[in-house]
């Protein structure tokens, strides 16, 4: 088996952040394996993609440029990857756990009989010993993710089938360039060799896209609330604090399910992943699903009336008390001492 491949999502000529994050991680994994990092770009007007991905350490960029490949539709993009992977025999293939990745990944893995691990929170390279068969598998992809409702962290491996496929949500991996001068090879493919005309049976007539009103992923300060906040009315204190210190409001899944906050603000394994400079967790117990979405925060402050709450074990500072007691004091202090 050969190199490590990353499928790049492209919108209006821009490579998605989740793809650049996977290229960063892929470069590290490829270095460990001693193989090349290869990227796949399928769409239209892709002349500027190389300049975007090569600084992240891409050795080979596979370009499939056809007007019918943009915007994304399931069948042609599946054919592109399935036929390319049959040719190139990658040992690992990664893509974002986005609406596109969750549609494309299972189709490709099913066609290749390779298996797929979704929503990974970590990817590593390691060995595995099968004691029954007295066999050692080397340089496997450890696909790590919460399982059984988040009660355990599972490490999933795929000893036999290739490619080893995994999806990762945006924000889980860090985005980091290798070098602005890094140069790779561009391979332009004839789309007709990989995709049949019948794959284009679905045509996108019109698209309606609405940008999110919140910017949780880009905010340096997040004030997040859990079920322990108690009510939708009490959640207003979080909004007041966030407005005072220039942050965004987030929520745990329990708070969203209880109707305290809207779903687009949900942080965790089933929401968004964030890594702000300051994360203030209010009334959040600290289930593993939530911690998976915010544990990379630079500074974590926990406000909780339970001194034994699991989130306190990862918090840099712990304030024991109720949201109603603590937050008004914080708001008053910041208003008094902030210019």
Protein backbone atom coordinates (compact mmCIF):
# COMPACT_ATOMS: atom_id res chain seq x y z
CA UNK A 1 0.00 0.00 0.00
CA UNK A 2 1.19 3.48 -0.84
CA UNK A 3 0.58 7.02 0.33
CA UNK A 4 -1.82 9.01 2.49
CA UNK A 5 -4.67 10.81 0.71
CA UNK A 6 -6.85 13.72 1.85
CA UNK A 7 -10.03 14.70 0.01
CA UNK A 8 -10.27 18.50 -0.16
CA UNK A 9 -13.64 20.20 0.02
CA UNK A 10 -13.78 23.30 -2.17
CA UNK A 11 -16.30 26.13 -2.20
CA UNK A 12 -15.92 29.13 -4.53
CA UNK A 13 -12.28 28.28 -5.20
CA UNK A 14 -11.39 28.06 -1.49
CA UNK A 15 -10.27 24.90 0.27
CA UNK A 16 -12.32 24.32 3.44
CA UNK A 17 -10.60 24.77 6.81
CA UNK A 18 -11.38 21.18 7.79
CA UNK A 19 -9.42 19.97 4.74
CA UNK A 20 -6.42 22.15 5.62
CA UNK A 21 -6.56 20.81 9.18
CA UNK A 22 -6.52 17.25 7.82
CA UNK A 23 -3.58 18.11 5.56
CA UNK A 24 -1.70 19.33 8.64
CA UNK A 25 -2.44 16.09 10.48
CA UNK A 26 -1.83 14.06 7.35
CA UNK A 27 1.63 15.58 6.93
CA UNK A 28 2.56 14.44 10.43
CA UNK A 29 1.19 10.93 9.85
CA UNK A 30 2.94 10.69 6.48
CA UNK A 31 6.24 11.69 8.10
CA UNK A 32 5.79 8.90 10.66
CA UNK A 33 5.03 6.38 7.90
CA UNK A 34 7.74 7.66 5.58
CA UNK A 35 5.28 8.13 2.71
CA UNK A 36 3.93 10.99 0.61
CA UNK A 37 0.95 13.20 1.41
CA UNK A 38 -1.43 13.47 -1.54
CA UNK A 39 -4.50 15.69 -1.90
CA UNK A 40 -7.54 15.30 -4.17
CA UNK A 41 -9.36 18.32 -5.59
CA UNK A 42 -12.51 17.76 -7.65
CA UNK A 43 -14.52 20.70 -8.96
CA UNK A 44 -14.20 23.54 -11.47
CA UNK A 45 -11.73 26.41 -11.95
CA UNK A 46 -9.18 24.80 -9.65
CA UNK A 47 -6.09 26.72 -10.84
CA UNK A 48 -5.46 28.28 -7.42
CA UNK A 49 -5.82 25.13 -5.29
CA UNK A 50 -2.14 24.21 -5.46
CA UNK A 51 -1.07 27.52 -3.92
CA UNK A 52 -3.49 26.88 -1.04
CA UNK A 53 -2.53 23.28 -0.21
CA UNK A 54 1.20 22.99 -0.98
CA UNK A 55 2.26 25.11 2.04
CA UNK A 56 0.68 22.40 4.23
CA UNK A 57 3.18 19.83 2.98
CA UNK A 58 1.28 18.26 0.07
CA UNK A 59 3.60 16.26 -2.20
CA UNK A 60 1.08 15.45 -4.94
CA UNK A 61 -2.16 17.24 -5.84
CA UNK A 62 -4.64 15.27 -7.97
CA UNK A 63 -6.86 17.69 -9.91
CA UNK A 64 -10.19 16.72 -11.47
CA UNK A 65 -11.47 19.87 -13.20
CA UNK A 66 -14.88 19.72 -14.86
CA UNK A 67 -17.78 22.16 -14.76
CA UNK A 68 -20.13 19.29 -13.90
CA UNK A 69 -18.15 18.48 -10.71
CA UNK A 70 -19.16 21.76 -9.07
CA UNK A 71 -21.10 22.11 -6.90
CA UNK A 72 -20.69 18.75 -5.16
CA UNK A 73 -23.01 15.90 -6.07
CA UNK A 74 -22.68 12.37 -4.73
CA UNK A 75 -22.23 10.10 -7.75
CA UNK A 76 -19.42 11.77 -9.74
CA UNK A 77 -17.27 12.56 -6.70
CA UNK A 78 -17.71 8.97 -5.49
CA UNK A 79 -16.57 7.65 -8.87
CA UNK A 80 -13.56 9.98 -8.84
CA UNK A 81 -12.33 8.71 -5.47
CA UNK A 82 -13.21 5.04 -5.96
CA UNK A 83 -11.41 4.80 -9.30
CA UNK A 84 -8.47 6.94 -8.17
CA UNK A 85 -8.01 4.83 -5.04
CA UNK A 86 -8.14 1.64 -7.10
CA UNK A 87 -5.26 3.02 -9.16
CA UNK A 88 -3.16 4.58 -6.42
CA UNK A 89 -3.84 2.06 -3.60
CA UNK A 90 -3.54 4.52 -0.67
CA UNK A 91 -2.98 3.09 2.78
CA UNK A 92 -4.92 5.90 4.47
CA UNK A 93 -7.69 8.24 3.24
CA UNK A 94 -9.07 11.14 5.29
CA UNK A 95 -11.94 13.58 4.80
CA UNK A 96 -13.96 16.03 6.83
CA UNK A 97 -16.96 14.91 8.86
CA UNK A 98 -19.10 17.53 7.12
CA UNK A 99 -22.34 17.11 5.21
CA UNK A 100 -20.23 16.31 2.14
CA UNK A 101 -17.81 13.99 3.94
CA UNK A 102 -20.63 12.12 5.67
CA UNK A 103 -22.23 11.52 2.28
CA UNK A 104 -19.07 10.74 0.34
CA UNK A 105 -17.06 8.72 2.86
CA UNK A 106 -19.51 5.83 3.33
CA UNK A 107 -20.09 5.56 -0.42
CA UNK A 108 -16.37 5.28 -1.15
CA UNK A 109 -15.61 2.91 1.73
CA UNK A 110 -18.56 0.68 0.79
CA UNK A 111 -17.49 0.49 -2.84
CA UNK A 112 -13.94 -0.42 -1.81
CA UNK A 113 -14.97 -2.67 1.09
CA UNK A 114 -12.58 -0.77 3.34
CA UNK A 115 -14.60 0.31 6.38
CA UNK A 116 -14.80 3.83 7.81
CA UNK A 117 -14.50 5.36 11.27
CA UNK A 118 -16.56 8.54 11.63
CA UNK A 119 -16.03 11.61 13.83
CA UNK A 120 -12.53 10.76 15.06
CA UNK A 121 -11.07 13.02 17.73
CA UNK A 122 -7.50 11.77 17.30
CA UNK A 123 -5.43 9.92 14.70
CA UNK A 124 -2.14 8.16 15.45
CA UNK A 125 0.16 5.54 13.94
CA UNK A 126 0.93 2.38 15.92
CA UNK A 127 1.27 -1.40 15.90
CA UNK A 128 -1.17 -4.12 16.89
CA UNK A 129 -0.52 -7.69 17.99
CA UNK A 130 -3.14 -10.33 17.21
CA UNK A 131 -2.34 -12.92 19.86
CA UNK A 132 -4.71 -15.62 18.57
CA UNK A 133 -3.00 -15.61 15.18
CA UNK A 134 0.43 -14.77 16.63
CA UNK A 135 0.66 -11.92 14.14
CA UNK A 136 1.89 -8.33 14.48
CA UNK A 137 0.48 -5.57 12.30
CA UNK A 138 2.80 -2.58 11.93
CA UNK A 139 2.05 1.07 11.18
CA UNK A 140 -1.72 0.91 11.50
CA UNK A 141 -3.90 4.00 11.74
CA UNK A 142 -5.29 4.32 15.26
CA UNK A 143 -8.74 5.87 14.73
CA UNK A 144 -9.71 7.26 18.13
CA UNK A 145 -13.21 8.46 19.04
CA UNK A 146 -15.73 8.41 21.91
CA UNK A 147 -18.08 5.40 21.85
CA UNK A 148 -21.08 3.98 23.74
CA UNK A 149 -22.63 7.38 24.31
CA UNK A 150 -19.28 8.88 25.20
CA UNK A 151 -18.73 6.57 28.17
CA UNK A 152 -15.46 5.24 26.75
CA UNK A 153 -12.83 6.31 24.25
CA UNK A 154 -12.45 3.64 21.57
CA UNK A 155 -9.35 3.01 19.47
CA UNK A 156 -10.42 1.44 16.19
CA UNK A 157 -8.04 -0.28 13.81
CA UNK A 158 -8.35 -1.83 10.37
CA UNK A 159 -5.59 -4.46 10.02
CA UNK A 160 -6.52 -6.01 6.68
CA UNK A 161 -8.60 -3.71 4.45
CA UNK A 162 -7.27 -0.67 2.65
CA UNK A 163 -7.49 2.23 2.56
CA UNK A 164 -7.94 2.87 6.26
CA UNK A 165 -10.60 5.59 6.14
CA UNK A 166 -11.62 8.14 8.76
CA UNK A 167 -13.56 11.38 8.97
CA UNK A 168 -12.74 14.24 11.36
CA UNK A 169 -14.88 17.24 12.23
CA UNK A 170 -13.72 20.82 11.69
CA UNK A 171 -11.71 22.28 14.55
CA UNK A 172 -10.55 18.95 16.00
CA UNK A 173 -7.09 19.17 14.39
CA UNK A 174 -4.82 22.18 14.33
CA UNK A 175 -4.19 23.98 11.04
CA UNK A 176 -0.50 24.67 10.58
CA UNK A 177 1.62 25.35 7.48
CA UNK A 178 4.86 23.46 6.88
CA UNK A 179 6.44 26.15 4.71
CA UNK A 180 5.17 28.86 2.38
CA UNK A 181 7.77 27.66 -0.16
CA UNK A 182 6.85 23.97 -0.05
CA UNK A 183 6.45 22.68 -3.60
CA UNK A 184 4.50 19.66 -4.74
CA UNK A 185 3.51 18.03 -8.01
CA UNK A 186 0.21 18.72 -9.77
CA UNK A 187 -1.35 15.77 -11.60
CA UNK A 188 -4.25 16.73 -13.86
CA UNK A 189 -6.59 13.83 -14.61
CA UNK A 190 -8.98 13.29 -17.49
CA UNK A 191 -12.35 13.26 -15.72
CA UNK A 192 -13.93 11.12 -18.46
CA UNK A 193 -11.66 8.20 -17.52
CA UNK A 194 -12.98 8.18 -13.97
CA UNK A 195 -16.60 9.31 -14.26
CA UNK A 196 -19.31 8.08 -16.62
CA UNK A 197 -22.04 10.28 -18.06
CA UNK A 198 -24.65 8.42 -16.01
CA UNK A 199 -22.97 9.73 -12.83
CA UNK A 200 -24.16 13.20 -13.80
CA UNK A 201 -27.84 12.21 -13.78
CA UNK A 202 -28.43 14.72 -10.93
CA UNK A 203 -27.94 18.40 -11.76
CA UNK A 204 -28.00 21.22 -9.21
CA UNK A 205 -30.41 23.83 -10.51
CA UNK A 206 -30.21 26.33 -7.67
CA UNK A 207 -28.54 26.67 -4.27
CA UNK A 208 -29.73 28.63 -1.27
CA UNK A 209 -26.96 29.23 1.26
CA UNK A 210 -27.26 31.16 4.48
CA UNK A 211 -24.26 31.99 6.61
CA UNK A 212 -24.41 31.23 10.31
CA UNK A 213 -25.31 34.15 12.56
CA UNK A 214 -22.84 32.98 15.18
CA UNK A 215 -19.07 32.66 14.97
CA UNK A 216 -18.28 30.29 17.82
CA UNK A 217 -15.33 28.62 16.06
CA UNK A 218 -13.61 31.95 15.43
CA UNK A 219 -14.24 33.55 18.82
CA UNK A 220 -11.24 33.91 21.19
CA UNK A 221 -13.59 33.91 24.20
CA UNK A 222 -16.50 31.52 24.77
CA UNK A 223 -18.96 31.49 27.65
CA UNK A 224 -20.63 28.07 27.58
CA UNK A 225 -23.55 26.80 29.61
CA UNK A 226 -24.77 23.35 30.52
CA UNK A 227 -27.90 21.81 31.97
CA UNK A 228 -26.81 23.09 35.38
CA UNK A 229 -27.59 26.67 34.31
CA UNK A 230 -31.17 25.71 35.08
CA UNK A 231 -33.31 27.60 32.60
CA UNK A 232 -33.44 29.59 29.38
CA UNK A 233 -33.85 32.74 31.46
CA UNK A 234 -30.66 32.03 33.42
CA UNK A 235 -28.85 31.56 30.11
CA UNK A 236 -29.31 35.29 29.55
CA UNK A 237 -26.58 35.82 32.16
CA UNK A 238 -24.18 34.02 29.85
CA UNK A 239 -25.16 36.29 26.97
CA UNK A 240 -24.66 39.33 29.22
CA UNK A 241 -21.19 38.15 30.26
CA UNK A 242 -20.22 37.31 26.69
CA UNK A 243 -21.35 40.75 25.51
CA UNK A 244 -19.34 42.38 28.29
CA UNK A 245 -16.05 40.62 27.54
CA UNK A 246 -16.43 40.35 23.75
CA UNK A 247 -17.12 36.63 23.50
CA UNK A 248 -19.63 34.18 22.08
CA UNK A 249 -22.11 31.95 23.91
CA UNK A 250 -21.87 28.17 23.59
CA UNK A 251 -23.79 25.28 25.12
CA UNK A 252 -23.54 21.61 25.96
CA UNK A 253 -25.84 19.10 24.30
CA UNK A 254 -27.87 18.74 27.51
CA UNK A 255 -28.56 22.48 27.54
CA UNK A 256 -29.57 22.45 23.88
CA UNK A 257 -31.83 19.42 24.37
CA UNK A 258 -33.49 21.19 27.30
CA UNK A 259 -34.25 24.19 25.08
CA UNK A 260 -31.96 26.61 26.90
CA UNK A 261 -30.00 27.47 23.76
CA UNK A 262 -30.13 26.98 19.98
CA UNK A 263 -28.42 24.01 18.33
CA UNK A 264 -25.94 26.08 16.29
CA UNK A 265 -24.20 26.99 19.56
CA UNK A 266 -23.72 23.38 20.65
CA UNK A 267 -20.14 22.43 21.49
CA UNK A 268 -18.89 18.86 21.71
CA UNK A 269 -18.77 15.58 19.83
CA UNK A 270 -22.19 16.19 18.26
CA UNK A 271 -21.70 19.94 17.86
CA UNK A 272 -18.73 22.11 16.92
CA UNK A 273 -15.16 21.83 18.15
CA UNK A 274 -13.55 25.01 19.48
CA UNK A 275 -10.14 26.05 20.79
CA UNK A 276 -10.53 29.61 22.16
CA UNK A 277 -8.02 31.48 24.32
CA UNK A 278 -10.57 31.56 27.16
CA UNK A 279 -13.39 29.08 27.82
CA UNK A 280 -15.76 29.78 30.72
CA UNK A 281 -17.83 26.66 31.45
CA UNK A 282 -20.96 27.45 33.47
CA UNK A 283 -22.98 24.63 34.98
CA UNK A 284 -21.33 22.05 32.72
CA UNK A 285 -20.67 18.67 34.31
CA UNK A 286 -18.00 17.68 31.80
CA UNK A 287 -19.16 14.61 29.93
CA UNK A 288 -16.55 13.22 27.54
CA UNK A 289 -18.61 14.23 24.49
CA UNK A 290 -18.43 17.89 25.55
CA UNK A 291 -14.79 17.80 26.62
CA UNK A 292 -13.87 16.41 23.19
CA UNK A 293 -15.11 19.67 21.68
CA UNK A 294 -13.27 22.16 23.92
CA UNK A 295 -10.32 20.51 25.65
CA UNK A 296 -7.79 22.34 23.45
CA UNK A 297 -8.86 25.73 24.91
CA UNK A 298 -5.89 27.73 26.22
CA UNK A 299 -7.49 28.65 29.56
CA UNK A 300 -10.56 26.93 31.03
CA UNK A 301 -12.55 28.42 33.90
CA UNK A 302 -15.23 26.22 35.47
CA UNK A 303 -18.17 27.80 37.31
CA UNK A 304 -20.01 24.96 39.05
CA UNK A 305 -21.77 24.38 42.36
CA UNK A 306 -20.43 20.81 42.37
CA UNK A 307 -16.76 20.80 43.44
CA UNK A 308 -16.43 17.23 42.13
CA UNK A 309 -17.73 17.91 38.62
CA UNK A 310 -15.59 16.06 36.03
CA UNK A 311 -14.89 19.28 34.10
CA UNK A 312 -13.01 20.63 37.13
CA UNK A 313 -10.25 18.08 36.50
CA UNK A 314 -9.29 19.78 33.21
CA UNK A 315 -10.06 23.36 34.29
CA UNK A 316 -7.24 25.80 34.99
CA UNK A 317 -9.42 27.68 37.48
CA UNK A 318 -12.49 26.47 39.39
CA UNK A 319 -15.11 28.79 40.90
CA UNK A 320 -17.47 26.90 43.19
CA UNK A 321 -20.92 28.48 43.20
CA UNK A 322 -24.11 28.83 41.20
CA UNK A 323 -24.34 30.72 37.93
CA UNK A 324 -26.76 33.17 39.57
CA UNK A 325 -24.20 33.96 42.28
CA UNK A 326 -21.01 34.11 40.25
CA UNK A 327 -21.83 35.60 36.84
CA UNK A 328 -23.37 38.90 38.03
CA UNK A 329 -20.20 39.51 40.04
CA UNK A 330 -18.02 38.76 37.03
CA UNK A 331 -20.10 41.06 34.81
CA UNK A 332 -19.90 43.85 37.40
CA UNK A 333 -16.13 43.43 37.78
CA UNK A 334 -15.43 43.40 34.02
CA UNK A 335 -17.62 46.44 33.39
CA UNK A 336 -15.79 48.32 36.14
CA UNK A 337 -12.26 47.34 35.12
CA UNK A 338 -12.46 47.04 31.34
CA UNK A 339 -11.72 50.07 29.18
